[in-house]
Amino acid sequence: MKLSDSEFLKIAQSHQGASDHTKLADHYRSHAIEHENDAKISEELAARASGHHASEAGLDGELRHYAAHSREAAEALRNLAKIHEDLAKEHAHHTHA
């Protein structure tokens, strides 16, 4: 579940343990899905932005450009989620050790 900006900042700045890292991982994963959806939609629009004027204006190219950046952002967000998942496991291990 994606957190509100204020919730995200609060937890990110003062995470206390495994559950906070899990919340951050879920937030990043949700945000990644949004970027992946943006990329998919932009690619569909680029494919349909046919015609001389769309290409001449660069619309199709910029839609593909945005899609590529959205995919790159999604990848970074998934990496952040993985880091927080690992940190949550580490916190849980130290709590039970």
PDB file of N, CA and C in Angstrom:
ATOM      1  N   MET A   1       0.848  -1.188   0.000  1.00  0.00           N
ATOM      2  CA  MET A   1       0.000   0.000   0.000  1.00  0.00           C
ATOM      3  C   MET A   1       0.886   1.241   0.000  1.00  0.00           C
ATOM      4  N   LYS A   2       0.543   2.169  -0.870  1.00  0.00           N
ATOM      5  CA  LYS A   2       1.301   3.408  -0.951  1.00  0.00           C
ATOM      6  C   LYS A   2       0.898   4.312   0.209  1.00  0.00           C
ATOM      7  N   LEU A   3       1.889   4.860   0.878  1.00  0.00           N
ATOM      8  CA  LEU A   3       1.670   5.757   2.012  1.00  0.00           C
ATOM      9  C   LEU A   3       1.434   7.179   1.517  1.00  0.00           C
ATOM     10  N   SER A   4       0.804   7.998   2.347  1.00  0.00           N
ATOM     11  CA  SER A   4       0.706   9.421   2.020  1.00  0.00           C
ATOM     12  C   SER A   4       2.113  10.002   2.124  1.00  0.00           C
ATOM     13  N   ASP A   5       2.319  11.155   1.528  1.00  0.00           N
ATOM     14  CA  ASP A   5       3.643  11.782   1.578  1.00  0.00           C
ATOM     15  C   ASP A   5       4.101  11.998   3.014  1.00  0.00           C
ATOM     16  N   SER A   6       3.199  12.469   3.864  1.00  0.00           N
ATOM     17  CA  SER A   6       3.588  12.746   5.250  1.00  0.00           C
ATOM     18  C   SER A   6       3.897  11.453   6.009  1.00  0.00           C
ATOM     19  N   GLU A   7       3.094  10.402   5.796  1.00  0.00           N
ATOM     20  CA  GLU A   7       3.369   9.107   6.436  1.00  0.00           C
ATOM     21  C   GLU A   7       4.706   8.552   5.963  1.00  0.00           C
ATOM     22  N   PHE A   8       4.929   8.641   4.645  1.00  0.00           N
ATOM     23  CA  PHE A   8       6.174   8.134   4.076  1.00  0.00           C
ATOM     24  C   PHE A   8       7.380   8.843   4.695  1.00  0.00           C
ATOM     25  N   LEU A   9       7.337  10.167   4.726  1.00  0.00           N
ATOM     26  CA  LEU A   9       8.464  10.921   5.281  1.00  0.00           C
ATOM     27  C   LEU A   9       8.696  10.586   6.749  1.00  0.00           C
ATOM     28  N   LYS A  10       7.628  10.473   7.497  1.00  0.00           N
ATOM     29  CA  LYS A  10       7.742  10.162   8.926  1.00  0.00           C
ATOM     30  C   LYS A  10       8.421   8.808   9.127  1.00  0.00           C
ATOM     31  N   ILE A  11       7.953   7.794   8.419  1.00  0.00           N
ATOM     32  CA  ILE A  11       8.517   6.454   8.579  1.00  0.00           C
ATOM     33  C   ILE A  11       9.936   6.382   8.013  1.00  0.00           C
ATOM     34  N   ALA A  12      10.156   7.001   6.853  1.00  0.00           N
ATOM     35  CA  ALA A  12      11.476   6.957   6.219  1.00  0.00           C
ATOM     36  C   ALA A  12      12.543   7.632   7.080  1.00  0.00           C
ATOM     37  N   GLN A  13      12.162   8.677   7.796  1.00  0.00           N
ATOM     38  CA  GLN A  13      13.128   9.417   8.606  1.00  0.00           C
ATOM     39  C   GLN A  13      13.351   8.802   9.978  1.00  0.00           C
ATOM     40  N   SER A  14      12.413   7.989  10.461  1.00  0.00           N
ATOM     41  CA  SER A  14      12.557   7.468  11.822  1.00  0.00           C
ATOM     42  C   SER A  14      12.141   6.013  11.938  1.00  0.00           C
ATOM     43  N   HIS A  15      12.412   5.219  10.894  1.00  0.00           N
ATOM     44  CA  HIS A  15      11.985   3.814  10.926  1.00  0.00           C
ATOM     45  C   HIS A  15      12.559   3.121  12.161  1.00  0.00           C
ATOM     46  N   GLN A  16      11.686   2.354  12.804  1.00  0.00           N
ATOM     47  CA  GLN A  16      12.017   1.754  14.088  1.00  0.00           C
ATOM     48  C   GLN A  16      12.337   0.268  14.021  1.00  0.00           C
ATOM     49  N   GLY A  17      11.846  -0.422  13.022  1.00  0.00           N
ATOM     50  CA  GLY A  17      12.068  -1.859  13.002  1.00  0.00           C
ATOM     51  C   GLY A  17      11.541  -2.507  11.752  1.00  0.00           C
ATOM     52  N   ALA A  18      11.367  -3.816  11.835  1.00  0.00           N
ATOM     53  CA  ALA A  18      10.961  -4.619  10.683  1.00  0.00           C
ATOM     54  C   ALA A  18       9.658  -4.141  10.062  1.00  0.00           C
ATOM     55  N   SER A  19       8.667  -3.812  10.895  1.00  0.00           N
ATOM     56  CA  SER A  19       7.366  -3.421  10.336  1.00  0.00           C
ATOM     57  C   SER A  19       7.463  -2.121   9.541  1.00  0.00           C
ATOM     58  N   ASP A  20       8.288  -1.183   9.991  1.00  0.00           N
ATOM     59  CA  ASP A  20       8.464   0.064   9.235  1.00  0.00           C
ATOM     60  C   ASP A  20       9.159  -0.203   7.902  1.00  0.00           C
ATOM     61  N   HIS A  21      10.163  -1.082   7.910  1.00  0.00           N
ATOM     62  CA  HIS A  21      10.840  -1.414   6.649  1.00  0.00           C
ATOM     63  C   HIS A  21       9.872  -2.123   5.699  1.00  0.00           C
ATOM     64  N   THR A  22       8.989  -2.945   6.240  1.00  0.00           N
ATOM     65  CA  THR A  22       7.986  -3.615   5.411  1.00  0.00           C
ATOM     66  C   THR A  22       7.025  -2.594   4.806  1.00  0.00           C
ATOM     67  N   LYS A  23       6.611  -1.605   5.590  1.00  0.00           N
ATOM     68  CA  LYS A  23       5.731  -0.548   5.069  1.00  0.00           C
ATOM     69  C   LYS A  23       6.427   0.229   3.958  1.00  0.00           C
ATOM     70  N   LEU A  24       7.723   0.525   4.148  1.00  0.00           N
ATOM     71  CA  LEU A  24       8.468   1.251   3.122  1.00  0.00           C
ATOM     72  C   LEU A  24       8.616   0.402   1.860  1.00  0.00           C
ATOM     73  N   ALA A  25       8.878  -0.883   2.019  1.00  0.00           N
ATOM     74  CA  ALA A  25       8.988  -1.778   0.860  1.00  0.00           C
ATOM     75  C   ALA A  25       7.661  -1.809   0.096  1.00  0.00           C
ATOM     76  N   ASP A  26       6.552  -1.929   0.810  1.00  0.00           N
ATOM     77  CA  ASP A  26       5.232  -1.937   0.168  1.00  0.00           C
ATOM     78  C   ASP A  26       4.965  -0.624  -0.564  1.00  0.00           C
ATOM     79  N   HIS A  27       5.346   0.487   0.055  1.00  0.00           N
ATOM     80  CA  HIS A  27       5.169   1.809  -0.554  1.00  0.00           C
ATOM     81  C   HIS A  27       5.946   1.876  -1.876  1.00  0.00           C
ATOM     82  N   TYR A  28       7.208   1.485  -1.846  1.00  0.00           N
ATOM     83  CA  TYR A  28       8.028   1.540  -3.053  1.00  0.00           C
ATOM     84  C   TYR A  28       7.489   0.606  -4.141  1.00  0.00           C
ATOM     85  N   ARG A  29       7.017  -0.583  -3.749  1.00  0.00           N
ATOM     86  CA  ARG A  29       6.450  -1.516  -4.719  1.00  0.00           C
ATOM     87  C   ARG A  29       5.196  -0.933  -5.373  1.00  0.00           C
ATOM     88  N   SER A  30       4.333  -0.310  -4.574  1.00  0.00           N
ATOM     89  CA  SER A  30       3.115   0.321  -5.118  1.00  0.00           C
ATOM     90  C   SER A  30       3.469   1.443  -6.079  1.00  0.00           C
ATOM     91  N   HIS A  31       4.467   2.219  -5.703  1.00  0.00           N
ATOM     92  CA  HIS A  31       4.901   3.330  -6.549  1.00  0.00           C
ATOM     93  C   HIS A  31       5.494   2.791  -7.863  1.00  0.00           C
ATOM     94  N   ALA A  32       6.219   1.677  -7.789  1.00  0.00           N
ATOM     95  CA  ALA A  32       6.791   1.058  -8.994  1.00  0.00           C
ATOM     96  C   ALA A  32       5.683   0.635  -9.954  1.00  0.00           C
ATOM     97  N   ILE A  33       4.620   0.076  -9.416  1.00  0.00           N
ATOM     98  CA  ILE A  33       3.488  -0.356 -10.251  1.00  0.00           C
ATOM     99  C   ILE A  33       2.885   0.838 -10.984  1.00  0.00           C
ATOM    100  N   GLU A  34       2.769   1.971 -10.300  1.00  0.00           N
ATOM    101  CA  GLU A  34       2.244   3.181 -10.950  1.00  0.00           C
ATOM    102  C   GLU A  34       3.124   3.584 -12.123  1.00  0.00           C
ATOM    103  N   HIS A  35       4.442   3.549 -11.920  1.00  0.00           N
ATOM    104  CA  HIS A  35       5.364   3.917 -13.007  1.00  0.00           C
ATOM    105  C   HIS A  35       5.289   2.912 -14.158  1.00  0.00           C
ATOM    106  N   GLU A  36       5.164   1.632 -13.840  1.00  0.00           N
ATOM    107  CA  GLU A  36       5.035   0.630 -14.901  1.00  0.00           C
ATOM    108  C   GLU A  36       3.757   0.849 -15.700  1.00  0.00           C
ATOM    109  N   ASN A  37       2.677   1.204 -15.017  1.00  0.00           N
ATOM    110  CA  ASN A  37       1.418   1.498 -15.719  1.00  0.00           C
ATOM    111  C   ASN A  37       1.555   2.740 -16.590  1.00  0.00           C
ATOM    112  N   ASP A  38       2.237   3.772 -16.081  1.00  0.00           N
ATOM    113  CA  ASP A  38       2.487   4.974 -16.887  1.00  0.00           C
ATOM    114  C   ASP A  38       3.256   4.611 -18.151  1.00  0.00           C
ATOM    115  N   ALA A  39       4.271   3.775 -18.005  1.00  0.00           N
ATOM    116  CA  ALA A  39       5.076   3.378 -19.159  1.00  0.00           C
ATOM    117  C   ALA A  39       4.226   2.649 -20.188  1.00  0.00           C
ATOM    118  N   LYS A  40       3.405   1.727 -19.718  1.00  0.00           N
ATOM    119  CA  LYS A  40       2.555   0.935 -20.617  1.00  0.00           C
ATOM    120  C   LYS A  40       1.594   1.848 -21.389  1.00  0.00           C
ATOM    121  N   ILE A  41       0.955   2.771 -20.671  1.00  0.00           N
ATOM    122  CA  ILE A  41       0.004   3.688 -21.306  1.00  0.00           C
ATOM    123  C   ILE A  41       0.719   4.585 -22.316  1.00  0.00           C
ATOM    124  N   SER A  42       1.881   5.098 -21.940  1.00  0.00           N
ATOM    125  CA  SER A  42       2.631   5.985 -22.834  1.00  0.00           C
ATOM    126  C   SER A  42       3.065   5.254 -24.099  1.00  0.00           C
ATOM    127  N   GLU A  43       3.470   3.994 -23.954  1.00  0.00           N
ATOM    128  CA  GLU A  43       3.855   3.218 -25.139  1.00  0.00           C
ATOM    129  C   GLU A  43       2.659   2.967 -26.044  1.00  0.00           C
ATOM    130  N   GLU A  44       1.503   2.695 -25.448  1.00  0.00           N
ATOM    131  CA  GLU A  44       0.284   2.511 -26.249  1.00  0.00           C
ATOM    132  C   GLU A  44      -0.071   3.796 -26.994  1.00  0.00           C
ATOM    133  N   LEU A  45       0.027   4.917 -26.291  1.00  0.00           N
ATOM    134  CA  LEU A  45      -0.273   6.201 -26.934  1.00  0.00           C
ATOM    135  C   LEU A  45       0.721   6.502 -28.043  1.00  0.00           C
ATOM    136  N   ALA A  46       1.991   6.199 -27.819  1.00  0.00           N
ATOM    137  CA  ALA A  46       3.015   6.438 -28.839  1.00  0.00           C
ATOM    138  C   ALA A  46       2.733   5.613 -30.085  1.00  0.00           C
ATOM    139  N   ALA A  47       2.294   4.369 -29.876  1.00  0.00           N
ATOM    140  CA  ALA A  47       1.990   3.490 -31.017  1.00  0.00           C
ATOM    141  C   ALA A  47       0.800   4.016 -31.807  1.00  0.00           C
ATOM    142  N   ARG A  48      -0.115   4.682 -31.116  1.00  0.00           N
ATOM    143  CA  ARG A  48      -1.318   5.205 -31.783  1.00  0.00           C
ATOM    144  C   ARG A  48      -1.144   6.642 -32.277  1.00  0.00           C
ATOM    145  N   ALA A  49      -0.069   7.280 -31.861  1.00  0.00           N
ATOM    146  CA  ALA A  49       0.172   8.667 -32.288  1.00  0.00           C
ATOM    147  C   ALA A  49       0.760   8.648 -33.688  1.00  0.00           C
ATOM    148  N   SER A  50      -0.023   8.100 -34.569  1.00  0.00           N
ATOM    149  CA  SER A  50       0.444   8.000 -35.944  1.00  0.00           C
ATOM    150  C   SER A  50       0.042   9.246 -36.710  1.00  0.00           C
ATOM    151  N   GLY A  51       0.565   9.337 -37.832  1.00  0.00           N
ATOM    152  CA  GLY A  51       0.227  10.487 -38.662  1.00  0.00           C
ATOM    153  C   GLY A  51       1.394  11.453 -38.703  1.00  0.00           C
ATOM    154  N   HIS A  52       1.429  12.175 -39.759  1.00  0.00           N
ATOM    155  CA  HIS A  52       2.528  13.088 -40.036  1.00  0.00           C
ATOM    156  C   HIS A  52       2.707  14.129 -38.932  1.00  0.00           C
ATOM    157  N   HIS A  53       1.615  14.732 -38.473  1.00  0.00           N
ATOM    158  CA  HIS A  53       1.724  15.816 -37.492  1.00  0.00           C
ATOM    159  C   HIS A  53       2.232  15.329 -36.136  1.00  0.00           C
ATOM    160  N   ALA A  54       1.794  14.131 -35.692  1.00  0.00           N
ATOM    161  CA  ALA A  54       2.250  13.600 -34.405  1.00  0.00           C
ATOM    162  C   ALA A  54       3.751  13.343 -34.432  1.00  0.00           C
ATOM    163  N   SER A  55       4.227  12.740 -35.527  1.00  0.00           N
ATOM    164  CA  SER A  55       5.658  12.463 -35.648  1.00  0.00           C
ATOM    165  C   SER A  55       6.451  13.743 -35.825  1.00  0.00           C
ATOM    166  N   GLU A  56       5.915  14.637 -36.623  1.00  0.00           N
ATOM    167  CA  GLU A  56       6.598  15.908 -36.876  1.00  0.00           C
ATOM    168  C   GLU A  56       6.750  16.713 -35.586  1.00  0.00           C
ATOM    169  N   ALA A  57       5.726  16.694 -34.749  1.00  0.00           N
ATOM    170  CA  ALA A  57       5.766  17.432 -33.496  1.00  0.00           C
ATOM    171  C   ALA A  57       6.615  16.711 -32.447  1.00  0.00           C
ATOM    172  N   GLY A  58       6.947  15.445 -32.693  1.00  0.00           N
ATOM    173  CA  GLY A  58       7.757  14.689 -31.752  1.00  0.00           C
ATOM    174  C   GLY A  58       6.955  14.042 -30.640  1.00  0.00           C
ATOM    175  N   LEU A  59       5.644  14.012 -30.793  1.00  0.00           N
ATOM    176  CA  LEU A  59       4.790  13.455 -29.751  1.00  0.00           C
ATOM    177  C   LEU A  59       5.108  11.993 -29.475  1.00  0.00           C
ATOM    178  N   ASP A  60       5.192  11.191 -30.538  1.00  0.00           N
ATOM    179  CA  ASP A  60       5.454   9.764 -30.342  1.00  0.00           C
ATOM    180  C   ASP A  60       6.809   9.528 -29.674  1.00  0.00           C
ATOM    181  N   GLY A  61       7.812  10.284 -30.081  1.00  0.00           N
ATOM    182  CA  GLY A  61       9.153  10.141 -29.493  1.00  0.00           C
ATOM    183  C   GLY A  61       9.190  10.511 -28.018  1.00  0.00           C
ATOM    184  N   GLU A  62       8.503  11.589 -27.674  1.00  0.00           N
ATOM    185  CA  GLU A  62       8.496  12.004 -26.261  1.00  0.00           C
ATOM    186  C   GLU A  62       7.687  11.051 -25.396  1.00  0.00           C
ATOM    187  N   LEU A  63       6.617  10.472 -25.948  1.00  0.00           N
ATOM    188  CA  LEU A  63       5.874   9.462 -25.202  1.00  0.00           C
ATOM    189  C   LEU A  63       6.761   8.244 -24.923  1.00  0.00           C
ATOM    190  N   ARG A  64       7.547   7.835 -25.910  1.00  0.00           N
ATOM    191  CA  ARG A  64       8.470   6.712 -25.715  1.00  0.00           C
ATOM    192  C   ARG A  64       9.575   7.092 -24.723  1.00  0.00           C
ATOM    193  N   HIS A  65      10.028   8.328 -24.786  1.00  0.00           N
ATOM    194  CA  HIS A  65      11.035   8.840 -23.859  1.00  0.00           C
ATOM    195  C   HIS A  65      10.511   8.767 -22.425  1.00  0.00           C
ATOM    196  N   TYR A  66       9.286   9.243 -22.235  1.00  0.00           N
ATOM    197  CA  TYR A  66       8.662   9.200 -20.908  1.00  0.00           C
ATOM    198  C   TYR A  66       8.475   7.753 -20.442  1.00  0.00           C
ATOM    199  N   ALA A  67       8.062   6.877 -21.345  1.00  0.00           N
ATOM    200  CA  ALA A  67       7.871   5.465 -21.004  1.00  0.00           C
ATOM    201  C   ALA A  67       9.192   4.856 -20.528  1.00  0.00           C
ATOM    202  N   ALA A  68      10.285   5.171 -21.212  1.00  0.00           N
ATOM    203  CA  ALA A  68      11.592   4.629 -20.823  1.00  0.00           C
ATOM    204  C   ALA A  68      11.982   5.113 -19.426  1.00  0.00           C
ATOM    205  N   HIS A  69      11.764   6.382 -19.155  1.00  0.00           N
ATOM    206  CA  HIS A  69      12.080   6.918 -17.815  1.00  0.00           C
ATOM    207  C   HIS A  69      11.169   6.316 -16.751  1.00  0.00           C
ATOM    208  N   SER A  70       9.919   6.094 -17.092  1.00  0.00           N
ATOM    209  CA  SER A  70       8.989   5.480 -16.137  1.00  0.00           C
ATOM    210  C   SER A  70       9.445   4.060 -15.793  1.00  0.00           C
ATOM    211  N   ARG A  71       9.894   3.321 -16.806  1.00  0.00           N
ATOM    212  CA  ARG A  71      10.400   1.961 -16.550  1.00  0.00           C
ATOM    213  C   ARG A  71      11.665   2.003 -15.685  1.00  0.00           C
ATOM    214  N   GLU A  72      12.524   2.969 -15.956  1.00  0.00           N
ATOM    215  CA  GLU A  72      13.751   3.119 -15.159  1.00  0.00           C
ATOM    216  C   GLU A  72      13.411   3.468 -13.706  1.00  0.00           C
ATOM    217  N   ALA A  73      12.444   4.352 -13.516  1.00  0.00           N
ATOM    218  CA  ALA A  73      12.010   4.714 -12.161  1.00  0.00           C
ATOM    219  C   ALA A  73      11.415   3.499 -11.453  1.00  0.00           C
ATOM    220  N   ALA A  74      10.617   2.710 -12.175  1.00  0.00           N
ATOM    221  CA  ALA A  74      10.013   1.513 -11.589  1.00  0.00           C
ATOM    222  C   ALA A  74      11.098   0.536 -11.137  1.00  0.00           C
ATOM    223  N   GLU A  75      12.128   0.396 -11.935  1.00  0.00           N
ATOM    224  CA  GLU A  75      13.225  -0.508 -11.569  1.00  0.00           C
ATOM    225  C   GLU A  75      13.919  -0.026 -10.291  1.00  0.00           C
ATOM    226  N   ALA A  76      14.189   1.275 -10.200  1.00  0.00           N
ATOM    227  CA  ALA A  76      14.828   1.826  -9.005  1.00  0.00           C
ATOM    228  C   ALA A  76      13.934   1.644  -7.780  1.00  0.00           C
ATOM    229  N   LEU A  77      12.636   1.846  -7.951  1.00  0.00           N
ATOM    230  CA  LEU A  77      11.698   1.679  -6.839  1.00  0.00           C
ATOM    231  C   LEU A  77      11.637   0.227  -6.388  1.00  0.00           C
ATOM    232  N   ARG A  78      11.688  -0.705  -7.324  1.00  0.00           N
ATOM    233  CA  ARG A  78      11.695  -2.129  -6.956  1.00  0.00           C
ATOM    234  C   ARG A  78      12.989  -2.480  -6.209  1.00  0.00           C
ATOM    235  N   ASN A  79      14.096  -1.865  -6.624  1.00  0.00           N
ATOM    236  CA  ASN A  79      15.364  -2.076  -5.912  1.00  0.00           C
ATOM    237  C   ASN A  79      15.275  -1.542  -4.484  1.00  0.00           C
ATOM    238  N   LEU A  80      14.671  -0.376  -4.316  1.00  0.00           N
ATOM    239  CA  LEU A  80      14.488   0.191  -2.974  1.00  0.00           C
ATOM    240  C   LEU A  80      13.590  -0.713  -2.130  1.00  0.00           C
ATOM    241  N   ALA A  81      12.549  -1.253  -2.738  1.00  0.00           N
ATOM    242  CA  ALA A  81      11.662  -2.171  -2.018  1.00  0.00           C
ATOM    243  C   ALA A  81      12.437  -3.394  -1.545  1.00  0.00           C
ATOM    244  N   LYS A  82      13.280  -3.930  -2.411  1.00  0.00           N
ATOM    245  CA  LYS A  82      14.077  -5.115  -2.061  1.00  0.00           C
ATOM    246  C   LYS A  82      15.019  -4.806  -0.906  1.00  0.00           C
ATOM    247  N   ILE A  83      15.648  -3.657  -0.929  1.00  0.00           N
ATOM    248  CA  ILE A  83      16.549  -3.266   0.165  1.00  0.00           C
ATOM    249  C   ILE A  83      15.783  -3.217   1.484  1.00  0.00           C
ATOM    250  N   HIS A  84      14.608  -2.606   1.466  1.00  0.00           N
ATOM    251  CA  HIS A  84      13.812  -2.510   2.694  1.00  0.00           C
ATOM    252  C   HIS A  84      13.300  -3.887   3.137  1.00  0.00           C
ATOM    253  N   GLU A  85      12.983  -4.766   2.181  1.00  0.00           N
ATOM    254  CA  GLU A  85      12.598  -6.137   2.546  1.00  0.00           C
ATOM    255  C   GLU A  85      13.749  -6.827   3.271  1.00  0.00           C
ATOM    256  N   ASP A  86      14.953  -6.671   2.727  1.00  0.00           N
ATOM    257  CA  ASP A  86      16.130  -7.283   3.352  1.00  0.00           C
ATOM    258  C   ASP A  86      16.383  -6.700   4.743  1.00  0.00           C
ATOM    259  N   LEU A  87      16.214  -5.384   4.872  1.00  0.00           N
ATOM    260  CA  LEU A  87      16.402  -4.743   6.179  1.00  0.00           C
ATOM    261  C   LEU A  87      15.345  -5.214   7.178  1.00  0.00           C
ATOM    262  N   ALA A  88      14.124  -5.418   6.710  1.00  0.00           N
ATOM    263  CA  ALA A  88      13.062  -5.916   7.584  1.00  0.00           C
ATOM    264  C   ALA A  88      13.421  -7.308   8.096  1.00  0.00           C
ATOM    265  N   LYS A  89      13.929  -8.166   7.204  1.00  0.00           N
ATOM    266  CA  LYS A  89      14.340  -9.518   7.609  1.00  0.00           C
ATOM    267  C   LYS A  89      15.481  -9.453   8.616  1.00  0.00           C
ATOM    268  N   GLU A  90      16.414  -8.535   8.363  1.00  0.00           N
ATOM    269  CA  GLU A  90      17.555  -8.371   9.276  1.00  0.00           C
ATOM    270  C   GLU A  90      17.075  -7.926  10.661  1.00  0.00           C
ATOM    271  N   HIS A  91      16.169  -6.953  10.689  1.00  0.00           N
ATOM    272  CA  HIS A  91      15.615  -6.484  11.972  1.00  0.00           C
ATOM    273  C   HIS A  91      14.868  -7.610  12.684  1.00  0.00           C
ATOM    274  N   ALA A  92      14.093  -8.375  11.925  1.00  0.00           N
ATOM    275  CA  ALA A  92      13.327  -9.473  12.521  1.00  0.00           C
ATOM    276  C   ALA A  92      14.265 -10.538  13.078  1.00  0.00           C
ATOM    277  N   HIS A  93      15.358 -10.797  12.366  1.00  0.00           N
ATOM    278  CA  HIS A  93      16.340 -11.795  12.812  1.00  0.00           C
ATOM    279  C   HIS A  93      17.010 -11.342  14.108  1.00  0.00           C
ATOM    280  N   HIS A  94      17.367 -10.057  14.187  1.00  0.00           N
ATOM    281  CA  HIS A  94      18.041  -9.543  15.394  1.00  0.00           C
ATOM    282  C   HIS A  94      17.087  -9.493  16.589  1.00  0.00           C
ATOM    283  N   THR A  95      15.801  -9.304  16.306  1.00  0.00           N
ATOM    284  CA  THR A  95      14.812  -9.258  17.376  1.00  0.00           C
ATOM    285  C   THR A  95      14.633 -10.637  17.996  1.00  0.00           C
ATOM    286  N   HIS A  96      14.691 -11.668  17.117  1.00  0.00           N
ATOM    287  CA  HIS A  96      14.467 -13.033  17.605  1.00  0.00           C
ATOM    288  C   HIS A  96      15.751 -13.730  18.043  1.00  0.00           C
ATOM    289  N   ALA A  97      16.875 -13.128  17.758  1.00  0.00           N
ATOM    290  CA  ALA A  97      18.159 -13.775  18.099  1.00  0.00           C
ATOM    291  C   ALA A  97      18.495 -13.654  19.564  1.00  0.00           C
TER     292      ALA A  97
END
